[in-house]
Every structure is written in structure tokens, then in C-alpha cells.
Amino acid sequence: MKGMAVDVLEHAGSQGIWAIALQTLAVLCLVLAALLGAMYLLRRLSGQQQGGGRHPIVVLSARALGARKQILLLEVMGERLLVGVAPERITLLARLEGASPQGVEGPEGPEGEQMSFGKRLAASLRQMIG
């Protein structure tokens, strides 16, 4: 009799532990769902403020010039800009006319060979200078 009473109490206690664990898991799932929902809403709202989710600024190419200094070729709303970046400032070096530098289509030259960033930059500067 005594052994049976202990078994019943242990069984009831184990059900209580499982019920508490299930409740804890349910609350955890609700909190995670609320966090994911908040993150989704924040991302949607911030995307609308920054041009409807489109990226108005695209980095076409970048080249390091030294420690913490680089030159960037950017496309901003259809316009190409050559920008120098240093820790203290950002400087507009040139506005490039047209969709691409004359005789250069993207990363390939007019004959289809691969052009390095330096060659593309030199071609762009030659076009600007004359």
C-alpha cells in the first residue's frame, strides 16, 4: 500500500513538471514569435523610408590605396561617382558621364578581355581629361 501511494505521488509530480515545462516552452515560443514579428515590421518600415526597399547607392568597385584609405566607384540614382574615402573625410573626385566609360563595358574591355580596376580607372580618367 505504501509503495503504491509513493508511485501515485511520483506520477502526479512528474505530470506537474511536464505541465510546467510545456507552459514554459509555449511562453518561449510566443516571445520568439513576437520578437520575429517586431523585427519584420521594423525591416519593412525602414525599407519604405529608404526608397521602398531598393538600394539607391550601389558600390560598383572599390580599391584600397593604403591603410584606411580607398577609392570607390559608386552608382547613385543612375549617376556614376568616383569617391575618395579617408578616416577624416569623403571627397568627390569625379562625376562620370554616361552609363559606362567610353570603350569599357563593365569589367571587360572592348575586346572582351578582363580589365583590372586600375585599367578601368585609367580609362575613366582619360575620358574625363579629354
Protein backbone atom coordinates (compact mmCIF):
# COMPACT_ATOMS: atom_id res chain seq x y z
CA MET A 1 0.00 0.00 0.00
CA LYS A 2 2.71 2.38 0.97
CA GLY A 3 4.63 1.65 -2.23
CA MET A 4 1.55 2.31 -4.33
CA ALA A 5 0.98 5.72 -2.68
CA VAL A 6 4.56 6.72 -3.45
CA ASP A 7 4.11 5.68 -7.08
CA VAL A 8 0.92 7.77 -7.37
CA LEU A 9 2.62 10.82 -5.83
CA GLU A 10 5.64 10.45 -8.10
CA HIS A 11 3.38 10.12 -11.15
CA ALA A 12 1.43 13.26 -10.17
CA GLY A 13 4.67 15.13 -9.53
CA SER A 14 6.09 14.14 -12.90
CA GLN A 15 2.92 15.33 -14.63
CA GLY A 16 3.25 18.67 -12.86
CA ILE A 17 6.83 19.04 -14.03
CA TRP A 18 5.86 18.24 -17.62
CA ALA A 19 2.96 20.70 -17.47
CA ILE A 20 5.30 23.45 -16.23
CA ALA A 21 7.85 22.59 -18.92
CA LEU A 22 5.14 22.71 -21.61
CA GLN A 23 3.88 26.08 -20.37
CA THR A 24 7.43 27.45 -20.30
CA LEU A 25 8.03 26.22 -23.85
CA ALA A 26 4.74 27.77 -25.04
CA VAL A 27 5.62 31.15 -23.48
CA LEU A 28 9.10 30.99 -25.02
CA CYS A 29 7.59 30.34 -28.46
CA LEU A 30 5.22 33.29 -28.03
CA VAL A 31 8.08 35.62 -27.03
CA LEU A 32 10.19 34.48 -30.01
CA ALA A 33 7.24 34.95 -32.37
CA ALA A 34 6.68 38.47 -31.01
CA LEU A 35 10.38 39.31 -31.50
CA LEU A 36 10.40 37.98 -35.06
CA GLY A 37 7.23 39.92 -35.83
CA ALA A 38 8.73 43.13 -34.45
CA MET A 39 11.92 42.61 -36.48
CA TYR A 40 9.86 42.03 -39.64
CA LEU A 41 7.84 45.20 -39.08
CA LEU A 42 10.96 47.27 -38.38
CA ARG A 43 12.60 45.98 -41.54
CA ARG A 44 9.50 46.74 -43.61
CA LEU A 45 9.11 50.24 -42.19
CA SER A 46 12.78 51.15 -42.53
CA GLY A 47 12.81 49.82 -46.11
CA GLN A 48 9.95 52.17 -47.03
CA GLN A 49 11.81 55.15 -45.62
CA GLN A 50 14.95 54.30 -47.61
CA GLY A 51 13.44 54.16 -51.07
CA GLY A 52 10.95 51.32 -50.82
CA GLY A 53 13.48 48.55 -50.21
CA ARG A 54 15.65 49.43 -53.23
CA HIS A 55 19.25 50.35 -52.71
CA PRO A 56 19.76 53.84 -54.19
CA ILE A 57 23.55 53.62 -53.68
CA VAL A 58 25.48 50.75 -55.26
CA VAL A 59 29.23 50.22 -54.86
CA LEU A 60 30.42 49.16 -58.33
CA SER A 61 34.07 48.82 -57.40
CA ALA A 62 36.44 49.59 -54.55
CA ARG A 63 40.22 49.81 -54.34
CA ALA A 64 42.35 50.21 -51.22
CA LEU A 65 45.00 52.89 -51.58
CA GLY A 66 46.67 52.40 -48.23
CA ALA A 67 45.88 51.98 -44.59
CA ARG A 68 42.23 53.05 -44.15
CA LYS A 69 42.12 54.92 -47.48
CA GLN A 70 40.26 53.77 -50.56
CA ILE A 71 38.67 54.88 -53.77
CA LEU A 72 35.11 53.87 -54.64
CA LEU A 73 33.19 53.82 -57.88
CA LEU A 74 29.53 54.37 -56.92
CA GLU A 75 26.26 54.46 -58.79
CA VAL A 76 23.75 56.79 -57.18
CA MET A 77 20.34 57.01 -58.85
CA GLY A 78 21.82 56.23 -62.27
CA GLU A 79 24.82 58.55 -61.93
CA ARG A 80 28.38 57.23 -61.51
CA LEU A 81 30.62 58.91 -58.96
CA LEU A 82 34.30 58.41 -58.16
CA VAL A 83 34.81 58.99 -54.42
CA GLY A 84 37.90 59.04 -52.22
CA VAL A 85 37.40 57.79 -48.66
CA ALA A 86 39.72 58.52 -45.73
CA PRO A 87 39.08 58.29 -41.98
CA GLU A 88 38.51 62.05 -41.68
CA ARG A 89 36.54 62.75 -44.86
CA ILE A 90 34.87 61.59 -48.05
CA THR A 91 35.77 63.50 -51.22
CA LEU A 92 34.00 63.52 -54.57
CA LEU A 93 36.78 63.04 -57.13
CA ALA A 94 34.73 62.97 -60.32
CA ARG A 95 31.27 62.59 -61.82
CA LEU A 96 31.43 60.11 -64.68
CA GLU A 97 29.14 60.87 -67.61
CA GLY A 98 27.18 58.14 -69.36
CA ALA A 99 26.36 54.63 -68.23
CA SER A 100 29.93 53.39 -68.62
CA PRO A 101 33.32 54.84 -69.55
CA GLN A 102 33.95 55.10 -73.28
CA GLY A 103 35.17 51.81 -74.73
CA VAL A 104 34.75 49.94 -71.47
CA GLU A 105 31.74 47.79 -70.70
CA GLY A 106 31.72 46.68 -67.07
CA PRO A 107 34.70 44.55 -66.03
CA GLU A 108 35.57 43.65 -69.62
CA GLY A 109 37.30 45.84 -72.17
CA PRO A 110 36.17 46.43 -75.77
CA GLU A 111 37.85 43.20 -76.97
CA GLY A 112 36.26 41.17 -74.17
CA GLU A 113 39.42 40.76 -72.07
CA GLN A 114 39.20 41.15 -68.31
CA MET A 115 40.22 44.63 -67.16
CA SER A 116 41.54 45.33 -63.68
CA PHE A 117 40.19 48.14 -61.56
CA GLY A 118 43.31 50.17 -62.30
CA LYS A 119 42.79 49.90 -66.06
CA ARG A 120 39.11 50.81 -65.75
CA LEU A 121 40.02 53.77 -63.54
CA ALA A 122 42.69 54.93 -66.00
CA ALA A 123 40.22 54.67 -68.90
CA SER A 124 37.64 56.68 -66.94
CA LEU A 125 40.15 59.38 -66.07
CA ARG A 126 41.40 59.56 -69.68
CA GLN A 127 37.81 60.04 -70.82
CA MET A 128 37.26 62.82 -68.29
CA ILE A 129 40.50 64.65 -69.12
CA GLY A 130 39.91 64.56 -72.79
